[in-house]
Amino acid sequence: MARGYAHNFLIPKGLAVRATKGNVKQLGLKRVGIEKRYEQSQDDAQALADKFTGKSITITARAGEEGRLYGSVTVKDVAAAIQEEFGIEVDKRRIVPSDPIKEAGEVTLRVRLQADVAASLVVNVVAEVAEGMEAGEVSETVIEEEAAAEDETTAGEDTEPAEAE
């Protein structure tokens, strides 16, 4: 690097310092502190990953016929369920879905806690059914109502209006 570039630009802006014995020693001490904090955060993340691995959470979502959800279960929903179940706040950006969750059932998601630490979490999505009815009964009621409406419209078509003369 050119000497003038360092003297006129980098050092005045605080982007560089002279490589004196004192500054090199101070940088070494900072590096040791940074490495200790990194190792501590890795250990904390690994302990958290051990809590998640092999565990499952249950999320209830409204669903239609055959377990298809109205909408989908989002990572925000999963983060809220983790908070509720384990009492641990996880940022929704740390949850990595494989595909959008649009059906009831079990799905395994990855939770990235650190760059090198990830945990797998089983999410059990349960379909919420209308109160007092079974899943099959909901679809039968809709079919019966559609059939009744169709009968009313076809009944009116059979009788032709009398011609007025």
Protein backbone atom coordinates (compact mmCIF):
# COMPACT_ATOMS: atom_id res chain seq x y z
CA MET A 1 0.00 0.00 0.00
CA ALA A 2 1.24 3.47 -0.74
CA ARG A 3 2.46 5.45 2.25
CA GLY A 4 0.52 8.57 1.26
CA TYR A 5 -2.74 6.62 1.09
CA ALA A 6 -2.30 5.51 4.70
CA HIS A 7 -1.23 8.95 6.01
CA ASN A 8 -3.79 11.00 4.09
CA PHE A 9 -6.83 8.75 4.09
CA LEU A 10 -6.85 5.57 6.22
CA ILE A 11 -5.30 6.80 9.48
CA PRO A 12 -7.26 10.11 9.69
CA LYS A 13 -10.57 8.26 9.12
CA GLY A 14 -9.76 5.64 11.77
CA LEU A 15 -9.68 2.81 9.24
CA ALA A 16 -6.09 1.86 10.04
CA VAL A 17 -3.45 2.35 12.76
CA ARG A 18 0.32 2.22 12.71
CA ALA A 19 1.77 -1.25 13.33
CA THR A 20 3.71 -0.38 16.48
CA LYS A 21 4.64 -2.97 19.12
CA GLY A 22 1.93 -1.65 21.45
CA ASN A 23 -0.80 -1.72 18.78
CA VAL A 24 0.15 -5.26 17.69
CA LYS A 25 0.03 -6.46 21.32
CA GLN A 26 -3.36 -4.76 21.85
CA LEU A 27 -4.73 -6.41 18.68
CA GLY A 28 -3.58 -9.81 19.99
CA LEU A 29 -5.47 -9.26 23.26
CA LYS A 30 -8.62 -8.23 21.38
CA ARG A 31 -8.36 -11.33 19.22
CA VAL A 32 -8.19 -13.59 22.31
CA GLY A 33 -11.32 -11.92 23.76
CA ILE A 34 -13.21 -12.26 20.49
CA GLU A 35 -12.30 -15.95 20.22
CA LYS A 36 -13.49 -16.62 23.80
CA ARG A 37 -16.83 -14.93 23.14
CA TYR A 38 -17.23 -16.89 19.89
CA GLU A 39 -16.54 -20.20 21.65
CA GLN A 40 -19.02 -19.30 24.41
CA SER A 41 -21.73 -18.46 21.89
CA GLN A 42 -21.03 -21.73 20.05
CA ASP A 43 -21.39 -23.67 23.34
CA ASP A 44 -24.64 -21.86 24.15
CA ALA A 45 -25.99 -22.56 20.65
CA GLN A 46 -25.03 -26.24 20.93
CA ALA A 47 -26.80 -26.53 24.30
CA LEU A 48 -29.89 -24.95 22.75
CA ALA A 49 -29.66 -27.32 19.77
CA ASP A 50 -29.57 -30.28 22.16
CA LYS A 51 -32.86 -29.05 23.68
CA PHE A 52 -34.55 -28.96 20.26
CA THR A 53 -33.18 -32.11 18.64
CA GLY A 54 -35.66 -34.96 18.79
CA LYS A 55 -38.43 -32.77 20.25
CA SER A 56 -41.68 -31.89 18.59
CA ILE A 57 -44.15 -29.04 18.75
CA THR A 58 -47.81 -29.05 17.81
CA ILE A 59 -49.48 -26.31 15.81
CA THR A 60 -53.24 -26.24 15.21
CA ALA A 61 -54.41 -24.70 11.95
CA ARG A 62 -57.75 -24.44 10.17
CA ALA A 63 -58.10 -27.00 7.42
CA GLY A 64 -60.53 -28.07 4.76
CA GLU A 65 -61.16 -31.45 3.25
CA GLU A 66 -58.45 -34.10 3.38
CA GLY A 67 -56.24 -32.06 5.71
CA ARG A 68 -55.42 -29.20 3.30
CA LEU A 69 -54.84 -26.05 5.32
CA TYR A 70 -56.46 -22.69 4.62
CA GLY A 71 -53.26 -20.81 3.88
CA SER A 72 -50.11 -22.30 5.39
CA VAL A 73 -48.15 -22.56 8.60
CA THR A 74 -45.45 -19.89 8.47
CA VAL A 75 -42.07 -19.70 10.18
CA LYS A 76 -43.58 -16.96 12.33
CA ASP A 77 -46.12 -19.49 13.62
CA VAL A 78 -43.35 -22.00 14.29
CA ALA A 79 -41.27 -19.39 16.16
CA ALA A 80 -44.29 -18.52 18.32
CA ALA A 81 -44.89 -22.21 19.06
CA ILE A 82 -41.23 -22.67 20.07
CA GLN A 83 -41.55 -19.66 22.38
CA GLU A 84 -44.69 -21.12 23.92
CA GLU A 85 -43.45 -24.72 24.21
CA PHE A 86 -39.83 -24.23 25.30
CA GLY A 87 -39.82 -20.64 26.55
CA ILE A 88 -36.97 -19.82 24.17
CA GLU A 89 -37.18 -16.96 21.71
CA VAL A 90 -35.94 -17.92 18.25
CA ASP A 91 -35.75 -15.43 15.42
CA LYS A 92 -38.01 -16.50 12.55
CA ARG A 93 -35.17 -15.99 10.08
CA ARG A 94 -33.27 -18.82 11.81
CA ILE A 95 -35.97 -21.37 10.91
CA VAL A 96 -35.34 -23.02 7.54
CA PRO A 97 -38.45 -24.62 6.01
CA SER A 98 -37.94 -27.27 3.33
CA ASP A 99 -41.26 -26.48 1.63
CA PRO A 100 -44.32 -24.42 2.57
CA ILE A 101 -46.42 -26.29 5.15
CA LYS A 102 -49.87 -26.53 3.54
CA GLU A 103 -51.11 -29.89 4.82
CA ALA A 104 -51.74 -31.41 8.22
CA GLY A 105 -49.12 -33.92 9.36
CA GLU A 106 -45.53 -34.02 10.58
CA VAL A 107 -42.78 -31.91 9.05
CA THR A 108 -39.13 -31.73 10.08
CA LEU A 109 -37.59 -28.24 10.02
CA ARG A 110 -34.01 -27.07 10.55
CA VAL A 111 -33.33 -24.32 13.05
CA ARG A 112 -29.99 -22.59 12.38
CA LEU A 113 -28.77 -21.30 15.72
CA GLN A 114 -25.24 -20.34 14.63
CA ALA A 115 -23.30 -20.65 11.40
CA ASP A 116 -22.02 -24.09 12.43
CA VAL A 117 -24.86 -25.20 14.74
CA ALA A 118 -28.27 -26.38 13.56
CA ALA A 119 -31.02 -28.40 15.19
CA SER A 120 -33.86 -30.42 13.69
CA LEU A 121 -37.34 -29.90 15.05
CA VAL A 122 -40.47 -31.93 14.28
CA VAL A 123 -43.58 -29.81 13.73
CA ASN A 124 -46.86 -31.66 14.05
CA VAL A 125 -49.60 -29.74 12.24
CA VAL A 126 -53.09 -30.66 13.46
CA ALA A 127 -56.15 -29.75 11.39
CA GLU A 128 -58.73 -27.68 13.28
CA VAL A 129 -62.27 -28.81 12.53
CA ALA A 130 -65.54 -26.87 12.93
CA GLU A 131 -66.89 -27.14 16.47
CA GLY A 132 -69.13 -30.15 17.08
CA MET A 133 -68.44 -31.82 13.72
CA GLU A 134 -66.06 -34.43 12.45
CA ALA A 135 -63.90 -33.74 9.42
CA GLY A 136 -66.07 -35.90 7.12
CA GLU A 137 -69.30 -34.28 8.31
CA VAL A 138 -68.21 -30.82 7.21
CA SER A 139 -67.83 -31.89 3.60
CA GLU A 140 -71.13 -33.86 3.66
CA THR A 141 -73.03 -30.79 4.92
CA VAL A 142 -71.63 -28.66 2.12
CA ILE A 143 -72.56 -31.31 -0.46
CA GLU A 144 -76.12 -31.56 0.92
CA GLU A 145 -76.56 -27.77 0.78
CA GLU A 146 -75.31 -27.63 -2.81
CA ALA A 147 -77.64 -30.47 -3.82
CA ALA A 148 -80.64 -28.70 -2.20
CA ALA A 149 -79.82 -25.44 -4.00
CA GLU A 150 -79.51 -27.29 -7.30
CA ASP A 151 -82.86 -29.03 -6.78
CA GLU A 152 -84.57 -25.66 -6.24
CA THR A 153 -83.17 -24.18 -9.44
CA THR A 154 -84.02 -27.23 -11.57
CA ALA A 155 -87.57 -27.43 -10.14
CA GLY A 156 -88.31 -23.94 -11.42
CA GLU A 157 -87.04 -24.79 -14.92
CA ASP A 158 -89.46 -27.72 -15.40
CA THR A 159 -92.59 -25.54 -15.31
CA GLU A 160 -92.84 -23.12 -18.17
CA PRO A 161 -94.69 -19.86 -17.59
CA ALA A 162 -98.11 -19.60 -19.23
CA GLU A 163 -98.21 -17.43 -22.27
CA ALA A 164 -100.28 -14.30 -21.90
CA GLU A 165 -102.52 -13.45 -24.82
